[in-house]
Every structure is written in structure tokens, then in C-alpha cells.
N, C-alpha and C. Protein backbone atom coordinates (compact mmCIF):
# COMPACT_ATOMS: atom_id res chain seq x y z
N MET A 1 69.25 5.71 -6.52
CA MET A 1 67.91 5.93 -7.04
C MET A 1 66.99 4.81 -6.69
N ILE A 2 67.54 3.55 -6.59
CA ILE A 2 66.85 2.35 -6.41
C ILE A 2 66.16 2.49 -4.95
N ILE A 3 66.83 2.92 -3.95
CA ILE A 3 66.37 3.10 -2.61
C ILE A 3 65.20 4.07 -2.58
N LYS A 4 65.27 5.25 -3.21
CA LYS A 4 64.24 6.15 -3.28
C LYS A 4 63.01 5.61 -3.96
N PHE A 5 63.16 4.94 -5.13
CA PHE A 5 62.13 4.25 -5.75
C PHE A 5 61.40 3.25 -4.86
N ALA A 6 62.22 2.48 -4.15
CA ALA A 6 61.62 1.41 -3.38
C ALA A 6 60.76 2.10 -2.18
N GLU A 7 61.21 3.30 -1.64
CA GLU A 7 60.32 3.88 -0.58
C GLU A 7 59.18 4.50 -1.24
N ASN A 8 59.25 5.07 -2.32
CA ASN A 8 58.12 5.73 -2.94
C ASN A 8 57.13 4.79 -3.47
N LEU A 9 57.52 3.62 -4.01
CA LEU A 9 56.55 2.61 -4.51
C LEU A 9 55.79 2.13 -3.18
N ARG A 10 56.43 1.82 -2.03
CA ARG A 10 55.79 1.22 -0.99
C ARG A 10 54.76 2.20 -0.39
N GLN A 11 55.18 3.49 -0.26
CA GLN A 11 54.30 4.55 0.16
C GLN A 11 53.11 4.78 -0.78
N LEU A 12 53.26 4.85 -1.98
CA LEU A 12 52.24 4.99 -2.96
C LEU A 12 51.18 3.73 -2.86
N ARG A 13 51.75 2.56 -2.87
CA ARG A 13 50.95 1.38 -2.87
C ARG A 13 50.16 1.37 -1.59
N GLU A 14 50.67 1.61 -0.44
CA GLU A 14 50.00 1.69 0.76
C GLU A 14 48.92 2.80 0.90
N SER A 15 49.29 3.88 0.34
CA SER A 15 48.32 5.04 0.27
C SER A 15 47.01 4.77 -0.52
N LYS A 16 47.12 3.85 -1.52
CA LYS A 16 46.07 3.49 -2.38
C LYS A 16 45.39 2.28 -1.82
N GLY A 17 45.86 1.75 -0.68
CA GLY A 17 45.34 0.57 -0.12
C GLY A 17 45.50 -0.75 -0.94
N LEU A 18 46.56 -0.77 -1.73
CA LEU A 18 46.81 -2.08 -2.54
C LEU A 18 47.73 -2.94 -1.82
N SER A 19 47.46 -4.23 -2.02
CA SER A 19 48.50 -5.07 -1.47
C SER A 19 49.53 -5.31 -2.55
N GLN A 20 50.61 -6.04 -2.23
CA GLN A 20 51.77 -6.27 -3.23
C GLN A 20 51.14 -7.19 -4.26
N LYS A 21 50.36 -8.14 -3.94
CA LYS A 21 49.81 -9.03 -4.84
C LYS A 21 48.85 -8.35 -5.86
N ARG A 22 48.01 -7.29 -5.35
CA ARG A 22 47.14 -6.69 -6.24
C ARG A 22 47.88 -5.80 -7.24
N LEU A 23 48.88 -5.04 -6.76
CA LEU A 23 49.67 -4.29 -7.58
C LEU A 23 50.38 -5.13 -8.66
N GLY A 24 50.94 -6.19 -8.29
CA GLY A 24 51.47 -7.27 -9.21
C GLY A 24 50.62 -7.50 -10.30
N GLU A 25 49.35 -7.86 -9.84
CA GLU A 25 48.31 -8.18 -10.85
C GLU A 25 48.01 -7.05 -11.90
N LEU A 26 48.02 -5.84 -11.39
CA LEU A 26 47.79 -4.71 -12.24
C LEU A 26 48.96 -4.45 -13.24
N VAL A 27 50.13 -4.76 -12.89
CA VAL A 27 51.32 -4.49 -13.76
C VAL A 27 51.87 -5.78 -14.37
N GLY A 28 51.32 -6.90 -14.11
CA GLY A 28 51.72 -8.15 -14.77
C GLY A 28 52.88 -8.86 -14.17
N VAL A 29 53.19 -8.65 -12.86
CA VAL A 29 54.23 -9.42 -12.21
C VAL A 29 53.71 -10.07 -10.99
N ASN A 30 54.49 -10.92 -10.34
CA ASN A 30 54.01 -11.60 -9.19
C ASN A 30 54.36 -10.73 -7.91
N GLN A 31 53.78 -11.20 -6.82
CA GLN A 31 53.88 -10.45 -5.49
C GLN A 31 55.42 -10.44 -5.12
N ARG A 32 56.19 -11.51 -5.39
CA ARG A 32 57.61 -11.52 -4.96
C ARG A 32 58.33 -10.41 -5.73
N THR A 33 57.96 -10.23 -6.99
CA THR A 33 58.69 -9.16 -7.74
C THR A 33 58.42 -7.69 -7.10
N ILE A 34 57.18 -7.47 -6.71
CA ILE A 34 56.84 -6.24 -5.98
C ILE A 34 57.67 -6.14 -4.77
N SER A 35 57.62 -7.16 -3.98
CA SER A 35 58.56 -7.17 -2.76
C SER A 35 59.88 -6.94 -3.06
N ALA A 36 60.48 -7.46 -4.06
CA ALA A 36 61.92 -7.16 -4.41
C ALA A 36 62.20 -5.68 -4.71
N TRP A 37 61.17 -5.16 -5.47
CA TRP A 37 61.25 -3.69 -5.78
C TRP A 37 61.22 -2.81 -4.54
N GLU A 38 60.27 -3.19 -3.63
CA GLU A 38 60.23 -2.41 -2.33
C GLU A 38 61.29 -2.51 -1.44
N LYS A 39 62.09 -3.67 -1.57
CA LYS A 39 63.27 -3.87 -0.74
C LYS A 39 64.57 -3.25 -1.39
N GLY A 40 64.44 -2.69 -2.68
CA GLY A 40 65.59 -2.19 -3.35
C GLY A 40 66.46 -3.13 -3.98
N ILE A 41 65.95 -4.40 -4.07
CA ILE A 41 66.84 -5.44 -4.71
C ILE A 41 66.96 -5.18 -6.26
N CYS A 42 65.90 -4.75 -6.88
CA CYS A 42 65.89 -4.49 -8.25
C CYS A 42 64.86 -3.49 -8.60
N GLU A 43 64.90 -2.99 -9.89
CA GLU A 43 63.84 -2.05 -10.32
C GLU A 43 63.08 -2.62 -11.59
N PRO A 44 61.85 -2.09 -11.83
CA PRO A 44 61.13 -2.61 -12.93
C PRO A 44 61.69 -2.07 -14.23
N LYS A 45 61.33 -2.85 -15.29
CA LYS A 45 61.72 -2.35 -16.65
C LYS A 45 60.89 -1.10 -16.99
N TYR A 46 61.30 -0.38 -17.96
CA TYR A 46 60.77 0.94 -18.33
C TYR A 46 59.24 0.68 -18.59
N GLU A 47 58.75 -0.31 -19.29
CA GLU A 47 57.41 -0.48 -19.65
C GLU A 47 56.46 -0.74 -18.43
N ILE A 48 57.09 -1.42 -17.47
CA ILE A 48 56.25 -1.74 -16.23
C ILE A 48 56.28 -0.39 -15.37
N LEU A 49 57.42 0.36 -15.33
CA LEU A 49 57.44 1.54 -14.57
C LEU A 49 56.41 2.57 -15.16
N ALA A 50 56.23 2.61 -16.41
CA ALA A 50 55.23 3.40 -17.11
C ALA A 50 53.84 3.02 -16.48
N LYS A 51 53.60 1.80 -16.42
CA LYS A 51 52.31 1.32 -15.89
C LYS A 51 52.09 1.77 -14.46
N ILE A 52 53.18 1.69 -13.67
CA ILE A 52 53.12 2.11 -12.35
C ILE A 52 52.80 3.60 -12.06
N CYS A 53 53.50 4.25 -12.99
CA CYS A 53 53.25 5.76 -12.99
C CYS A 53 51.77 6.17 -13.37
N GLU A 54 51.30 5.34 -14.36
CA GLU A 54 49.86 5.53 -14.77
C GLU A 54 48.92 5.25 -13.58
N ILE A 55 49.21 4.04 -12.94
CA ILE A 55 48.31 3.62 -11.83
C ILE A 55 48.21 4.60 -10.70
N PHE A 56 49.40 5.20 -10.35
CA PHE A 56 49.44 6.24 -9.22
C PHE A 56 49.40 7.62 -9.73
N ASP A 57 49.20 7.85 -10.93
CA ASP A 57 49.16 9.17 -11.54
C ASP A 57 50.36 10.04 -11.15
N GLU A 58 51.51 9.33 -11.24
CA GLU A 58 52.78 10.01 -10.94
C GLU A 58 53.66 10.23 -12.22
N THR A 59 54.62 11.09 -12.16
CA THR A 59 55.58 11.19 -13.33
C THR A 59 56.80 10.31 -12.91
N PHE A 60 57.61 9.86 -13.94
CA PHE A 60 58.74 9.21 -13.73
C PHE A 60 59.63 9.84 -12.64
N ASP A 61 59.95 11.11 -12.85
CA ASP A 61 60.77 11.93 -11.95
C ASP A 61 60.26 11.75 -10.50
N ASP A 62 58.89 11.91 -10.27
CA ASP A 62 58.34 11.80 -8.99
C ASP A 62 58.48 10.49 -8.36
N ILE A 63 58.36 9.46 -9.00
CA ILE A 63 58.47 8.13 -8.54
C ILE A 63 59.87 7.60 -8.29
N LEU A 64 60.81 8.29 -9.06
CA LEU A 64 62.20 7.80 -8.96
C LEU A 64 63.04 8.64 -8.12
N THR A 65 62.58 9.76 -7.64
CA THR A 65 63.39 10.73 -6.89
C THR A 65 62.75 11.10 -5.57
């Protein structure tokens, strides 16, 4: 599940023209954290995942699978 989330997050971010830094600002984390998520090193906590879903207008299922 981590790998699919990582791929989806990167694709969504790039499709909206957001940098890792800007997405981090929107959800309250730094650019390195966004990079770690996109590399599949770790995943965000539930509360931050909810913010990400809201920003990209996606459901949890869509962004995680």
C-alpha cells in the first residue's frame, strides 16, 4: 500500500503543479517529509492524509490504492 500511495501522491502533486515544498506548506510538514512519502519510506498520519485527500479532491481509497 505504501508504494501505491507514493506513486499516487507524486502524480497528483505534479498534475496540480505543486512543488513538494508547497504541498508541505499546505499540509503542515516540510519538503523532506513529502519526499519521504513519495519515495515510499513512510506514510502520513490519518489527519494529514485527510488534508491531502481534501486538497486533491480524492477519497482515501483512491489515494491509497
